[in-house]
C-alpha atoms as a PDB file:
ATOM      1  CA  MET A   1     119.695  63.145  54.907  1.00  0.00           C
ATOM      2  CA  LYS A   2     116.653  64.551  56.629  1.00  0.00           C
ATOM      3  CA  LEU A   3     113.712  65.575  54.459  1.00  0.00           C
ATOM      4  CA  ILE A   4     113.934  69.178  55.621  1.00  0.00           C
ATOM      5  CA  ASP A   5     117.628  69.228  54.620  1.00  0.00           C
ATOM      6  CA  PHE A   6     116.659  68.000  51.165  1.00  0.00           C
ATOM      7  CA  PHE A   7     114.026  70.684  50.680  1.00  0.00           C
ATOM      8  CA  ASN A   8     116.316  73.388  52.054  1.00  0.00           C
ATOM      9  CA  GLY A   9     118.853  72.250  49.465  1.00  0.00           C
ATOM     10  CA  VAL A  10     116.177  72.434  46.773  1.00  0.00           C
ATOM     11  CA  SER A  11     115.336  75.929  47.954  1.00  0.00           C
ATOM     12  CA  VAL A  12     118.963  77.031  47.619  1.00  0.00           C
ATOM     13  CA  ASN A  13     119.199  75.488  44.141  1.00  0.00           C
ATOM     14  CA  ILE A  14     115.944  77.124  43.085  1.00  0.00           C
ATOM     15  CA  HIS A  15     117.188  80.533  44.088  1.00  0.00           C
ATOM     16  CA  LYS A  16     120.471  79.982  42.206  1.00  0.00           C
ATOM     17  CA  PHE A  17     118.476  78.934  39.130  1.00  0.00           C
ATOM     18  CA  PHE A  18     116.180  81.929  39.297  1.00  0.00           C
ATOM     19  CA  ARG A  19     119.027  84.380  39.843  1.00  0.00           C
ATOM     20  CA  ALA A  20     120.746  82.909  36.776  1.00  0.00           C
ATOM     21  CA  THR A  21     117.623  83.175  34.612  1.00  0.00           C
ATOM     22  CA  GLY A  22     116.319  86.461  35.967  1.00  0.00           C
ATOM     23  CA  VAL A  23     113.124  84.815  37.222  1.00  0.00           C
ATOM     24  CA  ASN A  24     111.900  85.322  40.758  1.00  0.00           C
ATOM     25  CA  MET A  25     109.843  82.570  42.355  1.00  0.00           C
ATOM     26  CA  THR A  26     109.450  82.343  46.107  1.00  0.00           C
ATOM     27  CA  ASN A  27     109.482  79.184  48.194  1.00  0.00           C
ATOM     28  CA  THR A  28     105.784  79.788  48.812  1.00  0.00           C
ATOM     29  CA  THR A  29     105.109  79.705  45.067  1.00  0.00           C
ATOM     30  CA  TYR A  30     107.337  76.649  44.631  1.00  0.00           C
ATOM     31  CA  TYR A  31     105.421  74.630  47.235  1.00  0.00           C
ATOM     32  CA  ALA A  32     102.044  75.958  46.039  1.00  0.00           C
ATOM     33  CA  ASN A  33     102.936  74.817  42.515  1.00  0.00           C
ATOM     34  CA  ALA A  34     103.998  71.427  43.888  1.00  0.00           C
ATOM     35  CA  LYS A  35     100.630  71.026  45.624  1.00  0.00           C
ATOM     36  CA  THR A  36      98.731  72.078  42.486  1.00  0.00           C
ATOM     37  CA  ILE A  37     100.691  69.578  40.370  1.00  0.00           C
ATOM     38  CA  TYR A  38     100.286  66.761  42.903  1.00  0.00           C
ATOM     39  CA  ASP A  39      96.541  67.420  43.212  1.00  0.00           C
ATOM     40  CA  PHE A  40      96.127  67.573  39.419  1.00  0.00           C
ATOM     41  CA  TRP A  41      97.617  64.102  38.953  1.00  0.00           C
ATOM     42  CA  ILE A  42      95.532  62.700  41.821  1.00  0.00           C
ATOM     43  CA  ASP A  43      92.392  64.247  40.272  1.00  0.00           C
ATOM     44  CA  VAL A  44      92.989  62.564  36.897  1.00  0.00           C
ATOM     45  CA  GLY A  45      93.318  59.191  38.602  1.00  0.00           C
ATOM     46  CA  LEU A  46      96.982  58.580  39.319  1.00  0.00           C
ATOM     47  CA  THR A  47      97.928  57.150  42.691  1.00  0.00           C
ATOM     48  CA  PRO A  48      99.856  59.314  45.151  1.00  0.00           C
ATOM     49  CA  GLU A  49     103.034  57.449  44.175  1.00  0.00           C
ATOM     50  CA  GLN A  50     102.445  57.976  40.453  1.00  0.00           C
ATOM     51  CA  SER A  51     101.491  61.619  41.039  1.00  0.00           C
ATOM     52  CA  CYS A  52     104.817  62.160  42.776  1.00  0.00           C
ATOM     53  CA  GLY A  53     106.544  60.519  39.810  1.00  0.00           C
ATOM     54  CA  MET A  54     105.057  63.154  37.513  1.00  0.00           C
ATOM     55  CA  LEU A  55     105.742  65.934  40.023  1.00  0.00           C
ATOM     56  CA  ALA A  56     109.394  64.873  40.108  1.00  0.00           C
ATOM     57  CA  GLN A  57     109.577  65.319  36.323  1.00  0.00           C
ATOM     58  CA  ALA A  58     108.284  68.878  36.489  1.00  0.00           C
ATOM     59  CA  ASP A  59     110.612  69.663  39.377  1.00  0.00           C
ATOM     60  CA  ALA A  60     113.652  68.259  37.567  1.00  0.00           C
ATOM     61  CA  GLU A  61     112.756  69.952  34.277  1.00  0.00           C
ATOM     62  CA  SER A  62     111.741  73.438  35.437  1.00  0.00           C
ATOM     63  CA  SER A  63     111.949  73.699  39.233  1.00  0.00           C
ATOM     64  CA  LEU A  64     108.126  73.839  39.019  1.00  0.00           C
ATOM     65  CA  ASP A  65     108.206  77.117  37.076  1.00  0.00           C
ATOM     66  CA  PRO A  66     105.585  77.185  34.289  1.00  0.00           C
ATOM     67  CA  LYS A  67     107.449  80.079  32.658  1.00  0.00           C
ATOM     68  CA  ALA A  68     110.791  78.258  32.443  1.00  0.00           C
ATOM     69  CA  PHE A  69     112.586  77.972  29.137  1.00  0.00           C
ATOM     70  CA  GLY A  70     115.711  76.016  28.362  1.00  0.00           C
ATOM     71  CA  ASP A  71     117.727  74.072  25.822  1.00  0.00           C
ATOM     72  CA  LYS A  72     118.941  77.364  24.335  1.00  0.00           C
ATOM     73  CA  GLY A  73     115.384  78.653  23.987  1.00  0.00           C
ATOM     74  CA  HIS A  74     113.946  75.468  22.448  1.00  0.00           C
ATOM     75  CA  ALA A  75     112.166  73.992  25.499  1.00  0.00           C
ATOM     76  CA  TYR A  76     109.172  75.574  27.173  1.00  0.00           C
ATOM     77  CA  GLY A  77     107.244  75.450  30.392  1.00  0.00           C
ATOM     78  CA  LEU A  78     106.840  73.120  33.290  1.00  0.00           C
ATOM     79  CA  HIS A  79     108.020  70.002  31.421  1.00  0.00           C
ATOM     80  CA  GLN A  80     110.450  71.747  29.036  1.00  0.00           C
ATOM     81  CA  ILE A  81     108.575  70.596  25.955  1.00  0.00           C
ATOM     82  CA  HIS A  82     110.103  71.129  22.513  1.00  0.00           C
ATOM     83  CA  MET A  83     108.262  72.644  19.572  1.00  0.00           C
ATOM     84  CA  ASP A  84     107.477  69.382  17.742  1.00  0.00           C
ATOM     85  CA  ARG A  85     105.563  68.138  20.792  1.00  0.00           C
ATOM     86  CA  ILE A  86     104.035  71.572  21.412  1.00  0.00           C
ATOM     87  CA  VAL A  87     102.580  71.585  17.900  1.00  0.00           C
ATOM     88  CA  LEU A  88     101.206  68.067  18.383  1.00  0.00           C
ATOM     89  CA  ILE A  89      99.601  69.002  21.713  1.00  0.00           C
ATOM     90  CA  ARG A  90      98.140  72.193  20.248  1.00  0.00           C
ATOM     91  CA  ASP A  91      97.117  71.091  16.750  1.00  0.00           C
ATOM     92  CA  GLY A  92      97.214  67.308  16.690  1.00  0.00           C
ATOM     93  CA  ASN A  93      97.992  65.321  13.557  1.00  0.00           C
ATOM     94  CA  SER A  94      96.302  62.752  11.309  1.00  0.00           C
ATOM     95  CA  VAL A  95      95.953  60.343  14.252  1.00  0.00           C
ATOM     96  CA  TYR A  96      95.115  62.645  17.174  1.00  0.00           C
ATOM     97  CA  ASP A  97      93.111  65.839  17.514  1.00  0.00           C
ATOM     98  CA  GLY A  98      95.106  68.393  19.490  1.00  0.00           C
ATOM     99  CA  CYS A  99      93.790  70.037  22.634  1.00  0.00           C
ATOM    100  CA  GLY A 100      94.550  73.627  21.607  1.00  0.00           C
ATOM    101  CA  ILE A 101      97.018  74.373  24.412  1.00  0.00           C
ATOM    102  CA  ASP A 102     100.162  76.162  23.214  1.00  0.00           C
ATOM    103  CA  ILE A 103     102.873  75.519  25.787  1.00  0.00           C
ATOM    104  CA  SER A 104     105.237  77.943  24.009  1.00  0.00           C
ATOM    105  CA  THR A 105     103.049  80.861  25.163  1.00  0.00           C
ATOM    106  CA  PHE A 106     103.597  79.832  28.808  1.00  0.00           C
ATOM    107  CA  PRO A 107      99.931  79.335  29.684  1.00  0.00           C
ATOM    108  CA  PRO A 108      98.910  78.972  33.340  1.00  0.00           C
ATOM    109  CA  LEU A 109     100.139  75.969  35.303  1.00  0.00           C
ATOM    110  CA  GLU A 110      96.833  74.088  35.088  1.00  0.00           C
ATOM    111  CA  ASP A 111      96.666  74.515  31.295  1.00  0.00           C
ATOM    112  CA  GLN A 112     100.188  73.127  30.937  1.00  0.00           C
ATOM    113  CA  LEU A 113      99.225  70.144  33.065  1.00  0.00           C
ATOM    114  CA  ASN A 114      96.170  69.596  30.871  1.00  0.00           C
ATOM    115  CA  GLY A 115      98.455  69.668  27.828  1.00  0.00           C
ATOM    116  CA  VAL A 116     100.719  67.037  29.396  1.00  0.00           C
ATOM    117  CA  TRP A 117      97.664  64.961  30.346  1.00  0.00           C
ATOM    118  CA  TRP A 118      96.434  65.188  26.732  1.00  0.00           C
ATOM    119  CA  GLU A 119      99.864  64.019  25.557  1.00  0.00           C
ATOM    120  CA  LEU A 120      99.872  61.085  28.001  1.00  0.00           C
ATOM    121  CA  GLN A 121      96.418  60.006  26.844  1.00  0.00           C
ATOM    122  CA  ASN A 122      97.288  60.297  23.169  1.00  0.00           C
ATOM    123  CA  SER A 123     100.760  60.421  21.636  1.00  0.00           C
ATOM    124  CA  LYS A 124     102.500  59.255  24.828  1.00  0.00           C
ATOM    125  CA  HIS A 125      99.898  56.662  25.886  1.00  0.00           C
ATOM    126  CA  LYS A 126     102.567  53.975  26.246  1.00  0.00           C
ATOM    127  CA  ALA A 127     104.380  56.177  28.759  1.00  0.00           C
ATOM    128  CA  LEU A 128     101.132  56.553  30.701  1.00  0.00           C
ATOM    129  CA  ALA A 129     100.743  52.767  30.859  1.00  0.00           C
ATOM    130  CA  PHE A 130     104.245  52.436  32.313  1.00  0.00           C
ATOM    131  CA  ILE A 131     103.616  55.211  34.837  1.00  0.00           C
ATOM    132  CA  GLN A 132     100.300  53.632  35.859  1.00  0.00           C
ATOM    133  CA  SER A 133     102.054  50.299  36.417  1.00  0.00           C
ATOM    134  CA  ALA A 134     104.319  51.820  39.070  1.00  0.00           C
ATOM    135  CA  LYS A 135     103.690  50.706  42.643  1.00  0.00           C
ATOM    136  CA  THR A 136     106.187  53.009  44.385  1.00  0.00           C
ATOM    137  CA  ALA A 137     107.058  56.669  43.974  1.00  0.00           C
ATOM    138  CA  THR A 138     110.643  55.751  43.116  1.00  0.00           C
ATOM    139  CA  GLU A 139     109.458  53.443  40.355  1.00  0.00           C
ATOM    140  CA  ALA A 140     106.981  56.051  39.069  1.00  0.00           C
ATOM    141  CA  GLY A 141     109.666  58.727  38.944  1.00  0.00           C
ATOM    142  CA  SER A 142     112.053  56.469  37.047  1.00  0.00           C
ATOM    143  CA  LEU A 143     109.397  55.227  34.601  1.00  0.00           C
ATOM    144  CA  ALA A 144     108.049  58.722  33.933  1.00  0.00           C
ATOM    145  CA  CYS A 145     111.589  59.850  33.261  1.00  0.00           C
ATOM    146  CA  GLN A 146     112.400  56.923  30.983  1.00  0.00           C
ATOM    147  CA  TYR A 147     109.183  56.851  28.955  1.00  0.00           C
ATOM    148  CA  TYR A 148     107.731  60.364  29.153  1.00  0.00           C
ATOM    149  CA  GLU A 149     110.478  62.947  29.623  1.00  0.00           C
ATOM    150  CA  VAL A 150     113.408  61.005  28.101  1.00  0.00           C
ATOM    151  CA  PRO A 151     116.103  63.470  29.230  1.00  0.00           C
ATOM    152  CA  GLY A 152     119.535  63.466  27.666  1.00  0.00           C
ATOM    153  CA  ALA A 153     121.528  63.885  30.871  1.00  0.00           C
ATOM    154  CA  PRO A 154     122.976  60.689  32.369  1.00  0.00           C
ATOM    155  CA  GLY A 155     121.748  59.332  35.695  1.00  0.00           C
ATOM    156  CA  GLN A 156     118.323  60.955  35.510  1.00  0.00           C
ATOM    157  CA  LEU A 157     116.232  57.809  36.034  1.00  0.00           C
ATOM    158  CA  GLU A 158     117.728  57.231  39.468  1.00  0.00           C
ATOM    159  CA  LYS A 159     117.738  60.921  40.422  1.00  0.00           C
ATOM    160  CA  ARG A 160     114.107  61.407  39.481  1.00  0.00           C
ATOM    161  CA  GLY A 161     113.100  58.226  41.251  1.00  0.00           C
ATOM    162  CA  VAL A 162     114.719  59.541  44.427  1.00  0.00           C
ATOM    163  CA  LEU A 163     113.080  62.947  43.932  1.00  0.00           C
ATOM    164  CA  ALA A 164     109.664  61.310  43.473  1.00  0.00           C
ATOM    165  CA  GLN A 165     110.114  59.419  46.739  1.00  0.00           C
ATOM    166  CA  LYS A 166     111.059  62.631  48.542  1.00  0.00           C
ATOM    167  CA  TRP A 167     107.915  64.331  47.249  1.00  0.00           C
ATOM    168  CA  PHE A 168     105.868  61.302  48.298  1.00  0.00           C
ATOM    169  CA  ASP A 169     107.317  61.518  51.789  1.00  0.00           C
ATOM    170  CA  TYR A 170     106.557  65.249  51.870  1.00  0.00           C
ATOM    171  CA  PHE A 171     102.901  64.874  50.869  1.00  0.00           C
ATOM    172  CA  ASN A 172     102.260  61.728  52.890  1.00  0.00           C
ATOM    173  CA  LYS A 173     103.960  62.507  56.155  1.00  0.00           C
ATOM    174  CA  PRO A 174     102.171  61.058  59.176  1.00  0.00           C
ATOM    175  CA  ALA A 175      99.730  63.303  60.980  1.00  0.00           C
ATOM    176  CA  LYS A 176     101.148  64.857  64.136  1.00  0.00           C
ATOM    177  CA  THR A 177      99.762  63.469  67.351  1.00  0.00           C
ATOM    178  CA  SER A 178      99.348  65.647  70.418  1.00  0.00           C
END
């Protein structure tokens, strides 16, 4: 499958998703969100491969829509975070101080990423260690799925590994020569 065929397929699936949920996000917004997410993870110190692993999670969870909600109204935002984790991110607990970001209010994309980053540095620090150990995008996507997102649907580790590699190929395509 050619990369452009993959992304055209993603585009079709995105539009089906948004028609079903009543949300309207253009391809331009989708790719702009992808770039913002990729750049965020690079800026906090992940490698391009690891950044694509995290990008693949957001894509699989919400089609890169920070206003997405799912699991019958119990999962919010870019990473489809449930209320127990939202409260921990926002308020903290006896071990961790929260960062004040309430994902359930659908804050801007960058704030949601900061909330996820807080979670990876604190309550999900073991997941961060696994993600940081990844050498390839495929490995990063699978490890982020297994240790950070932990989805219930079968086959997600492989699917998200493949998706991470596709994003890596997209962002690291060779420069055109004249």
